[in-house]
């Protein structure tokens, strides 16, 4: 080898640190996306009051006008204070009376309850310490008031939302208000000294379809036991007919389109709807109306031109739809139109059928009946699921008193209305930049805010409620 040949040097196991210089190592961006901002709950208490002031400015007056048999000069809590105790039990989604009682006098909660209900605390007579009434007192008070009076408040809240034109965009064909009627279990009852076993209580609900997936409680018909000796429960269809009678009395000129499941397309319901001039869209099942279902299939095959191909967005992706419809299908004394919807999604293939007295002549009308009418009925099932599993306590026996139990259920529906306005109309907009903030998380932050911070005595201005898709 020559003299100029270079000798091979052994490399260091950790690099050439002696020749790397005095510069620091390159800064590398950490893996993963940047964390989003956390929600700021400091104004959630004021947001609750702003929603109530904006949407229901007369709520405290409504609550104060409910019958109150107590001697007012000896009372510590106003009537609106007691009803707000029940309201907050459901608004904060505590799930039970005991859960709210555990925190009702914690921190600033008593002061905030006074701000919400509008009661002036008399320190000379009641002392300096503010307190919130217990649930036992609330149950006794609720048991003295007829559930008919409390139900009128729930109806007044929905009428107020209609007057605000907050729900206008959900009308079918820009005319018909969609009302879903369905039954569910109210509570599983409690064992008492008079009854050796608990008795389940059932209800039939009427709920108004709103925009962006919302659904608003409108009326409740309680299924009372008509024969306690044989334990024969009230019929759901009879409760539905009573509910329709109440709706006709309250909304004599409102264009209503009912959404029913497969239980309701029977002669009695058809006669009542046609007599009142309403419209309906009901799920058609082969076993419920076998003759009419076979007739609809046969006449559909004779009308090959009545077909419309479209798509909709489902939970698992795009769903291909093939809509077919047939007209003047006999249902005993009546003739209605039937829409069939065959769907192919990324996971399964299904067939749906609906019967309606709406006139269907084009594919777009069939699409509206199927997707903006028939499929929307499932929102009431989602509403029941939220009230059962997300802290409201549906199916939970809050008390053994029957009148108080009915009033607790009606106040739960009022709280659900306020909850939807608060979360969907305001808190979602305030926490838009935050990631994965669930409704339950927002309610927990609201509860913490009411316990730590006071709403204050300053008049709270009204806010703009804008419902938007979640």
Protein backbone atom coordinates (compact mmCIF):
# COMPACT_ATOMS: atom_id res chain seq x y z
CA UNK A 1 0.00 0.00 0.00
CA UNK A 2 1.09 3.58 -0.62
CA UNK A 3 2.00 6.10 1.99
CA UNK A 4 -1.07 8.23 1.27
CA UNK A 5 -3.53 5.43 2.08
CA UNK A 6 -5.78 6.33 5.04
CA UNK A 7 -6.21 4.00 7.96
CA UNK A 8 -9.71 2.94 8.92
CA UNK A 9 -10.88 4.26 12.26
CA UNK A 10 -13.37 2.44 14.41
CA UNK A 11 -16.72 4.23 14.70
CA UNK A 12 -18.10 5.11 18.07
CA UNK A 13 -21.20 3.21 19.15
CA UNK A 14 -23.05 6.46 19.96
CA UNK A 15 -21.91 8.50 16.99
CA UNK A 16 -19.01 10.92 16.44
CA UNK A 17 -19.64 13.05 19.49
CA UNK A 18 -16.14 14.48 19.43
CA UNK A 19 -16.76 15.93 15.96
CA UNK A 20 -20.43 16.85 16.22
CA UNK A 21 -19.77 20.34 17.50
CA UNK A 22 -21.42 22.28 20.29
CA UNK A 23 -24.88 22.46 18.71
CA UNK A 24 -27.88 20.84 20.42
CA UNK A 25 -29.63 17.90 18.83
CA UNK A 26 -32.45 18.52 16.38
CA UNK A 27 -35.84 19.11 18.06
CA UNK A 28 -38.38 16.63 16.77
CA UNK A 29 -42.13 17.16 16.92
CA UNK A 30 -43.78 14.62 19.23
CA UNK A 31 -46.03 12.00 17.72
CA UNK A 32 -49.80 12.51 17.69
CA UNK A 33 -52.00 15.50 17.00
CA UNK A 34 -52.03 18.64 19.09
CA UNK A 35 -54.37 18.53 22.07
CA UNK A 36 -57.51 20.61 21.71
CA UNK A 37 -58.55 23.28 24.19
CA UNK A 38 -60.42 22.25 27.32
CA UNK A 39 -63.93 23.64 27.86
CA UNK A 40 -64.19 26.64 30.18
CA UNK A 41 -67.12 25.98 32.57
CA UNK A 42 -66.94 29.29 34.45
CA UNK A 43 -69.95 30.67 32.60
CA UNK A 44 -72.08 27.53 32.49
CA UNK A 45 -74.23 28.60 35.45
CA UNK A 46 -75.04 31.92 33.81
CA UNK A 47 -75.65 30.06 30.53
CA UNK A 48 -78.37 28.02 32.22
CA UNK A 49 -80.12 31.14 33.45
CA UNK A 50 -79.70 32.85 30.07
CA UNK A 51 -81.43 29.95 28.32
CA UNK A 52 -84.32 30.04 30.80
CA UNK A 53 -84.64 33.84 30.56
CA UNK A 54 -84.52 33.74 26.75
CA UNK A 55 -86.85 30.82 26.05
CA UNK A 56 -89.12 30.74 29.12
CA UNK A 57 -89.11 34.19 30.77
CA UNK A 58 -92.33 33.37 32.67
CA UNK A 59 -91.18 30.00 34.02
CA UNK A 60 -90.89 31.16 37.65
CA UNK A 61 -94.31 32.77 37.41
CA UNK A 62 -95.75 29.53 36.03
CA UNK A 63 -94.22 27.55 38.87
CA UNK A 64 -95.37 30.06 41.46
CA UNK A 65 -98.96 29.91 40.18
CA UNK A 66 -99.23 26.17 40.74
CA UNK A 67 -101.58 25.24 43.62
CA UNK A 68 -99.87 25.58 47.00
CA UNK A 69 -101.97 24.50 50.02
CA UNK A 70 -99.33 25.52 52.56
CA UNK A 71 -99.67 28.47 54.92
CA UNK A 72 -97.24 30.89 53.30
CA UNK A 73 -96.33 32.81 56.46
CA UNK A 74 -94.91 29.61 57.96
CA UNK A 75 -93.09 28.40 54.85
CA UNK A 76 -89.34 28.51 54.50
CA UNK A 77 -89.21 27.81 50.78
CA UNK A 78 -91.31 29.32 48.01
CA UNK A 79 -93.28 27.09 45.69
CA UNK A 80 -91.00 27.89 42.75
CA UNK A 81 -88.00 26.93 44.93
CA UNK A 82 -89.42 23.43 45.55
CA UNK A 83 -90.20 22.86 41.87
CA UNK A 84 -86.71 24.06 40.91
CA UNK A 85 -85.28 21.49 43.31
CA UNK A 86 -86.98 18.78 41.24
CA UNK A 87 -85.99 20.46 37.99
CA UNK A 88 -82.31 20.57 38.93
CA UNK A 89 -82.43 16.92 39.97
CA UNK A 90 -83.09 16.10 36.32
CA UNK A 91 -81.21 18.96 34.62
CA UNK A 92 -78.00 17.93 36.41
CA UNK A 93 -78.81 14.27 35.65
CA UNK A 94 -78.22 12.98 39.14
CA UNK A 95 -80.33 9.91 38.42
CA UNK A 96 -82.00 9.75 41.83
CA UNK A 97 -83.26 11.94 44.65
CA UNK A 98 -80.49 10.85 47.03
CA UNK A 99 -77.77 11.76 44.54
CA UNK A 100 -78.99 15.36 44.36
CA UNK A 101 -79.61 15.57 48.12
CA UNK A 102 -75.96 14.70 48.75
CA UNK A 103 -74.76 17.89 47.01
CA UNK A 104 -77.71 20.26 47.27
CA UNK A 105 -76.17 22.34 50.09
CA UNK A 106 -72.58 22.14 48.84
CA UNK A 107 -70.69 25.35 48.11
CA UNK A 108 -72.65 27.96 46.17
CA UNK A 109 -75.49 25.65 45.14
CA UNK A 110 -78.06 27.13 47.60
CA UNK A 111 -77.29 30.67 46.46
CA UNK A 112 -77.60 29.68 42.80
CA UNK A 113 -80.91 27.91 43.40
CA UNK A 114 -82.25 31.14 44.89
CA UNK A 115 -81.05 33.04 41.83
CA UNK A 116 -82.72 30.57 39.48
CA UNK A 117 -86.08 30.42 41.26
CA UNK A 118 -86.22 34.14 42.08
CA UNK A 119 -86.78 33.74 45.83
CA UNK A 120 -85.57 36.51 48.16
CA UNK A 121 -83.97 35.02 51.28
CA UNK A 122 -85.21 36.65 54.50
CA UNK A 123 -82.20 36.55 56.82
CA UNK A 124 -84.11 37.91 59.82
CA UNK A 125 -86.59 35.07 59.78
CA UNK A 126 -84.61 32.24 58.14
CA UNK A 127 -81.03 33.01 59.21
CA UNK A 128 -77.94 33.82 57.19
CA UNK A 129 -77.25 30.29 55.95
CA UNK A 130 -78.92 29.58 52.61
CA UNK A 131 -80.20 26.06 52.09
CA UNK A 132 -82.02 23.99 49.47
CA UNK A 133 -85.08 21.99 50.42
CA UNK A 134 -84.71 18.22 50.63
CA UNK A 135 -86.30 15.78 48.21
CA UNK A 136 -88.64 14.47 50.93
CA UNK A 137 -90.24 17.89 51.20
CA UNK A 138 -90.39 18.11 47.40
CA UNK A 139 -92.20 14.77 47.15
CA UNK A 140 -94.78 15.84 49.74
CA UNK A 141 -95.38 19.09 47.86
CA UNK A 142 -95.58 17.34 44.47
CA UNK A 143 -98.10 14.89 45.88
CA UNK A 144 -100.51 17.73 46.68
CA UNK A 145 -100.66 19.18 43.15
CA UNK A 146 -102.66 17.64 40.33
CA UNK A 147 -100.53 16.33 37.47
CA UNK A 148 -102.92 18.04 35.04
CA UNK A 149 -101.71 21.44 36.27
CA UNK A 150 -98.05 20.47 35.96
CA UNK A 151 -98.66 19.01 32.50
CA UNK A 152 -99.91 22.39 31.31
CA UNK A 153 -96.46 23.84 31.99
CA UNK A 154 -94.83 21.30 29.69
CA UNK A 155 -97.37 22.18 27.01
CA UNK A 156 -96.72 25.91 27.53
CA UNK A 157 -92.98 25.39 27.01
CA UNK A 158 -93.50 23.73 23.63
CA UNK A 159 -95.97 26.43 22.56
CA UNK A 160 -93.36 29.01 23.45
CA UNK A 161 -90.77 27.29 21.23
CA UNK A 162 -93.27 27.18 18.37
CA UNK A 163 -93.98 30.90 18.79
CA UNK A 164 -90.23 31.58 18.70
CA UNK A 165 -90.13 29.75 15.33
CA UNK A 166 -87.25 27.70 16.63
CA UNK A 167 -88.69 24.46 15.22
CA UNK A 168 -90.01 25.67 11.84
CA UNK A 169 -87.41 23.89 9.71
CA UNK A 170 -88.57 20.44 10.87
CA UNK A 171 -92.02 20.67 9.28
CA UNK A 172 -92.78 18.06 6.60
CA UNK A 173 -93.42 19.62 3.18
CA UNK A 174 -93.08 23.00 4.98
CA UNK A 175 -96.53 22.47 6.48
CA UNK A 176 -97.06 19.43 8.67
CA UNK A 177 -95.81 19.31 12.27
CA UNK A 178 -94.52 15.82 13.02
CA UNK A 179 -95.69 14.35 16.33
CA UNK A 180 -94.53 10.90 17.45
CA UNK A 181 -96.72 8.83 19.75
CA UNK A 182 -95.29 5.80 21.53
CA UNK A 183 -95.47 4.04 24.87
CA UNK A 184 -92.78 3.10 27.37
CA UNK A 185 -92.26 2.09 30.99
CA UNK A 186 -92.39 5.02 33.42
CA UNK A 187 -91.06 3.32 36.54
CA UNK A 188 -90.87 -0.11 38.12
CA UNK A 189 -92.71 0.96 41.26
CA UNK A 190 -91.96 0.37 44.90
CA UNK A 191 -93.16 -2.25 47.33
CA UNK A 192 -95.50 -0.76 49.90
CA UNK A 193 -97.44 -2.07 52.88
CA UNK A 194 -100.61 -2.25 50.79
CA UNK A 195 -99.00 -4.13 47.92
CA UNK A 196 -96.87 -7.22 48.41
CA UNK A 197 -95.13 -6.58 45.12
CA UNK A 198 -94.30 -3.48 43.10
CA UNK A 199 -96.49 -2.43 40.18
CA UNK A 200 -95.05 -1.15 36.96
CA UNK A 201 -96.35 2.16 35.63
CA UNK A 202 -96.64 2.72 31.87
CA UNK A 203 -97.11 5.89 29.85
CA UNK A 204 -97.83 6.99 26.28
CA UNK A 205 -95.82 10.00 25.14
CA UNK A 206 -96.47 12.56 22.40
CA UNK A 207 -93.28 14.29 21.28
CA UNK A 208 -92.74 16.95 18.64
CA UNK A 209 -90.01 16.43 16.05
CA UNK A 210 -87.55 19.32 15.91
CA UNK A 211 -84.63 20.17 13.63
CA UNK A 212 -81.17 18.59 13.75
CA UNK A 213 -82.18 15.41 15.51
CA UNK A 214 -84.03 17.04 18.41
CA UNK A 215 -87.36 15.84 19.81
CA UNK A 216 -89.44 17.82 22.29
CA UNK A 217 -91.80 16.36 24.94
CA UNK A 218 -95.32 17.61 24.36
CA UNK A 219 -97.85 15.55 26.32
CA UNK A 220 -97.94 12.48 28.53
CA UNK A 221 -100.87 10.12 29.02
CA UNK A 222 -100.56 7.85 32.04
CA UNK A 223 -101.81 4.29 31.74
CA UNK A 224 -103.56 3.75 35.05
CA UNK A 225 -104.54 0.31 36.25
CA UNK A 226 -108.27 -0.01 35.51
CA UNK A 227 -108.85 -3.27 37.44
CA UNK A 228 -106.52 -3.63 40.46
CA UNK A 229 -108.07 -6.99 41.47
CA UNK A 230 -107.16 -8.76 38.23
CA UNK A 231 -104.18 -6.40 37.70
CA UNK A 232 -105.37 -5.60 34.21
CA UNK A 233 -103.45 -2.68 32.77
CA UNK A 234 -104.87 0.10 30.63
CA UNK A 235 -104.59 -0.44 26.86
CA UNK A 236 -101.94 1.57 25.00
CA UNK A 237 -104.32 2.21 22.11
CA UNK A 238 -106.95 3.63 24.47
CA UNK A 239 -104.31 5.90 25.99
CA UNK A 240 -103.33 7.01 22.48
CA UNK A 241 -106.95 7.93 21.68
CA UNK A 242 -107.18 9.97 24.88
CA UNK A 243 -103.94 11.69 23.95
CA UNK A 244 -105.32 12.57 20.51
CA UNK A 245 -108.40 14.06 22.13
CA UNK A 246 -106.22 16.30 24.28
CA UNK A 247 -104.12 17.34 21.28
CA UNK A 248 -107.22 18.27 19.30
CA UNK A 249 -108.41 20.42 22.19
CA UNK A 250 -105.08 22.24 22.59
CA UNK A 251 -104.22 22.54 18.87
CA UNK A 252 -107.51 22.73 16.95
CA UNK A 253 -105.98 24.29 13.83
CA UNK A 254 -102.42 22.96 13.92
CA UNK A 255 -101.55 20.85 10.83
CA UNK A 256 -100.41 17.61 12.48
CA UNK A 257 -98.87 14.51 10.95
CA UNK A 258 -98.54 11.61 13.39
CA UNK A 259 -95.72 9.09 13.28
CA UNK A 260 -96.67 5.62 14.55
CA UNK A 261 -94.93 2.30 14.98
CA UNK A 262 -96.37 -1.05 13.90
CA UNK A 263 -98.81 -1.25 16.83
CA UNK A 264 -101.02 1.69 15.84
CA UNK A 265 -102.19 1.13 12.20
CA UNK A 266 -105.63 -0.25 13.20
CA UNK A 267 -109.19 0.77 12.44
CA UNK A 268 -109.75 2.87 15.59
CA UNK A 269 -106.66 4.99 15.02
CA UNK A 270 -107.46 5.42 11.30
CA UNK A 271 -111.00 6.61 12.07
CA UNK A 272 -109.78 9.13 14.65
CA UNK A 273 -107.10 10.59 12.40
CA UNK A 274 -109.35 10.91 9.36
CA UNK A 275 -112.17 12.45 11.40
CA UNK A 276 -109.88 15.22 12.73
CA UNK A 277 -108.33 15.92 9.32
CA UNK A 278 -104.84 14.94 10.40
CA UNK A 279 -102.16 13.06 8.49
CA UNK A 280 -100.16 10.04 9.62
CA UNK A 281 -97.20 7.86 8.64
CA UNK A 282 -97.20 4.43 10.30
CA UNK A 283 -94.85 1.47 10.09
CA UNK A 284 -96.59 -1.34 8.19
CA UNK A 285 -95.89 -4.87 9.34
CA UNK A 286 -97.02 -7.98 7.55
CA UNK A 287 -98.31 -9.64 10.71
CA UNK A 288 -100.31 -6.60 11.87
CA UNK A 289 -102.22 -6.01 8.62
CA UNK A 290 -101.70 -9.21 6.54
CA UNK A 291 -104.41 -8.62 3.94
CA UNK A 292 -103.46 -5.00 3.34
CA UNK A 293 -99.76 -5.89 3.20
CA UNK A 294 -100.35 -8.57 0.53
CA UNK A 295 -102.55 -6.18 -1.44
CA UNK A 296 -99.83 -3.51 -1.31
CA UNK A 297 -97.21 -5.94 -2.59
CA UNK A 298 -99.40 -7.10 -5.47
CA UNK A 299 -100.36 -3.59 -6.59
CA UNK A 300 -96.74 -2.45 -6.28
CA UNK A 301 -95.71 -5.12 -8.78
CA UNK A 302 -98.37 -3.81 -11.17
CA UNK A 303 -96.86 -0.28 -11.05
CA UNK A 304 -93.24 -0.65 -12.22
CA UNK A 305 -92.97 3.07 -12.99
CA UNK A 306 -93.43 4.03 -9.34
CA UNK A 307 -89.76 3.66 -8.43
CA UNK A 308 -87.13 6.10 -7.20
CA UNK A 309 -83.42 5.40 -6.65
CA UNK A 310 -81.60 7.56 -4.11
CA UNK A 311 -79.03 7.57 -1.33
CA UNK A 312 -78.90 8.65 2.27
CA UNK A 313 -76.17 8.86 4.89
CA UNK A 314 -76.35 6.10 7.48
CA UNK A 315 -74.36 5.29 10.59
CA UNK A 316 -71.94 3.03 8.71
CA UNK A 317 -71.69 5.05 5.49
CA UNK A 318 -73.76 5.74 2.39
CA UNK A 319 -76.96 3.71 2.08
CA UNK A 320 -78.44 2.98 -1.35
CA UNK A 321 -82.24 3.22 -1.37
CA UNK A 322 -84.83 1.96 -3.80
CA UNK A 323 -88.26 3.43 -3.09
CA UNK A 324 -91.45 1.99 -4.53
CA UNK A 325 -94.97 3.12 -3.77
CA UNK A 326 -98.51 2.11 -4.51
CA UNK A 327 -101.77 4.02 -4.09
CA UNK A 328 -105.27 3.35 -2.78
CA UNK A 329 -104.53 0.21 -0.83
CA UNK A 330 -107.69 -0.85 1.10
CA UNK A 331 -107.47 -0.83 4.91
CA UNK A 332 -110.96 -1.89 5.95
CA UNK A 333 -113.07 1.23 5.35
CA UNK A 334 -110.19 3.41 4.19
CA UNK A 335 -107.71 3.53 1.31
CA UNK A 336 -104.15 4.72 1.90
CA UNK A 337 -100.83 4.85 0.07
CA UNK A 338 -97.95 2.50 0.93
CA UNK A 339 -94.22 3.16 0.51
CA UNK A 340 -91.61 0.38 0.37
CA UNK A 341 -87.95 1.22 0.95
CA UNK A 342 -85.27 -1.32 0.15
CA UNK A 343 -81.90 -0.35 1.59
CA UNK A 344 -78.40 -1.71 1.06
CA UNK A 345 -75.84 -0.42 3.56
CA UNK A 346 -72.17 -1.42 4.01
CA UNK A 347 -73.27 -3.89 6.70
CA UNK A 348 -76.75 -5.21 5.86
CA UNK A 349 -79.79 -5.10 3.57
CA UNK A 350 -83.23 -4.20 4.97
CA UNK A 351 -86.79 -3.61 3.79
CA UNK A 352 -89.13 -1.03 5.30
CA UNK A 353 -92.80 -0.30 4.64
CA UNK A 354 -94.98 2.62 5.69
CA UNK A 355 -98.67 3.37 5.24
CA UNK A 356 -99.80 6.99 5.01
CA UNK A 357 -102.75 9.15 4.02
CA UNK A 358 -100.40 11.70 2.45
CA UNK A 359 -100.69 11.81 -1.31
CA UNK A 360 -97.60 10.32 -3.02
CA UNK A 361 -97.23 11.02 -6.73
CA UNK A 362 -93.49 11.55 -7.28
CA UNK A 363 -90.25 10.02 -6.12
CA UNK A 364 -89.32 13.12 -4.11
CA UNK A 365 -92.56 12.88 -2.17
CA UNK A 366 -91.87 9.21 -1.47
CA UNK A 367 -88.35 10.13 -0.32
CA UNK A 368 -89.72 12.77 2.08
CA UNK A 369 -92.32 10.39 3.51
CA UNK A 370 -89.74 7.64 4.03
CA UNK A 371 -86.73 9.59 5.26
CA UNK A 372 -88.15 12.78 6.77
CA UNK A 373 -91.22 11.04 8.13
CA UNK A 374 -91.12 7.29 8.69
CA UNK A 375 -87.47 6.98 9.70
CA UNK A 376 -87.67 10.03 11.98
CA UNK A 377 -90.01 8.09 14.29
CA UNK A 378 -86.95 6.33 15.76
CA UNK A 379 -85.98 9.57 17.52
CA UNK A 380 -88.49 8.86 20.27
CA UNK A 381 -86.68 5.58 20.96
CA UNK A 382 -83.41 7.51 21.23
CA UNK A 383 -85.12 9.99 23.56
CA UNK A 384 -86.33 7.16 25.81
CA UNK A 385 -82.82 5.69 25.78
CA UNK A 386 -81.27 9.00 26.86
CA UNK A 387 -83.76 9.40 29.69
CA UNK A 388 -83.22 5.82 30.86
CA UNK A 389 -79.43 5.56 30.66
CA UNK A 390 -77.96 9.09 30.72
CA UNK A 391 -78.87 10.27 34.21
CA UNK A 392 -82.51 11.37 33.96
CA UNK A 393 -83.75 8.25 35.71
CA UNK A 394 -86.65 7.10 33.55
CA UNK A 395 -87.90 3.73 34.91
CA UNK A 396 -86.55 4.69 38.35
CA UNK A 397 -89.15 4.78 41.14
CA UNK A 398 -88.62 8.24 42.62
CA UNK A 399 -91.48 7.86 45.10
CA UNK A 400 -94.39 5.62 46.03
CA UNK A 401 -97.01 8.39 45.90
CA UNK A 402 -98.84 8.09 42.58
CA UNK A 403 -99.56 11.80 42.11
CA UNK A 404 -96.00 12.80 43.01
CA UNK A 405 -94.64 10.11 40.67
CA UNK A 406 -96.63 11.58 37.78
CA UNK A 407 -95.43 15.09 38.57
CA UNK A 408 -91.82 13.91 38.80
CA UNK A 409 -92.14 12.40 35.33
CA UNK A 410 -93.60 15.63 33.89
CA UNK A 411 -90.84 17.71 35.49
CA UNK A 412 -88.35 15.27 33.95
CA UNK A 413 -89.76 16.11 30.51
CA UNK A 414 -89.47 19.83 31.25
CA UNK A 415 -85.84 19.31 32.32
CA UNK A 416 -85.16 17.38 29.11
CA UNK A 417 -86.49 20.36 27.13
CA UNK A 418 -84.22 22.80 28.99
CA UNK A 419 -81.31 20.37 28.62
CA UNK A 420 -81.64 20.24 24.84
CA UNK A 421 -81.82 24.03 24.59
CA UNK A 422 -78.84 24.48 26.91
CA UNK A 423 -76.55 21.90 25.31
CA UNK A 424 -77.64 22.01 21.68
CA UNK A 425 -78.42 25.71 21.52
CA UNK A 426 -75.64 27.29 23.59
CA UNK A 427 -73.00 25.06 25.23
CA UNK A 428 -72.13 23.29 21.99
CA UNK A 429 -71.46 26.67 20.42
CA UNK A 430 -69.31 27.79 23.35
CA UNK A 431 -67.22 24.58 23.28
CA UNK A 432 -66.98 24.22 19.51
CA UNK A 433 -63.19 24.03 19.49
CA UNK A 434 -63.03 21.30 22.14
CA UNK A 435 -62.81 17.67 21.08
CA UNK A 436 -65.02 14.81 22.26
CA UNK A 437 -67.01 16.68 24.87
CA UNK A 438 -70.10 14.58 25.53
CA UNK A 439 -73.41 15.79 26.89
CA UNK A 440 -72.70 14.07 30.20
CA UNK A 441 -69.32 15.84 30.45
CA UNK A 442 -70.99 19.22 29.89
CA UNK A 443 -73.56 18.50 32.59
CA UNK A 444 -70.80 17.50 35.05
CA UNK A 445 -69.06 20.81 34.34
CA UNK A 446 -72.36 22.63 34.87
CA UNK A 447 -72.85 20.89 38.21
CA UNK A 448 -69.34 21.81 39.33
CA UNK A 449 -69.87 25.41 38.23
CA UNK A 450 -73.08 25.74 40.26
CA UNK A 451 -71.26 24.42 43.33
CA UNK A 452 -68.21 26.69 43.01
CA UNK A 453 -69.33 29.94 41.36
CA UNK A 454 -72.37 32.13 41.95
CA UNK A 455 -74.60 33.32 39.15
CA UNK A 456 -74.73 36.81 40.67
CA UNK A 457 -77.42 39.44 41.14
CA UNK A 458 -76.77 41.32 37.89
CA UNK A 459 -79.56 41.02 35.30
CA UNK A 460 -78.58 38.44 32.72
CA UNK A 461 -79.34 39.48 29.14
CA UNK A 462 -81.04 37.16 26.71
CA UNK A 463 -78.97 35.09 24.33
CA UNK A 464 -79.47 33.77 20.83
CA UNK A 465 -80.46 30.11 20.67
CA UNK A 466 -79.34 28.45 17.44
CA UNK A 467 -79.84 24.73 17.15
CA UNK A 468 -77.18 23.09 15.02
CA UNK A 469 -76.21 19.52 14.12
CA UNK A 470 -73.90 17.88 16.64
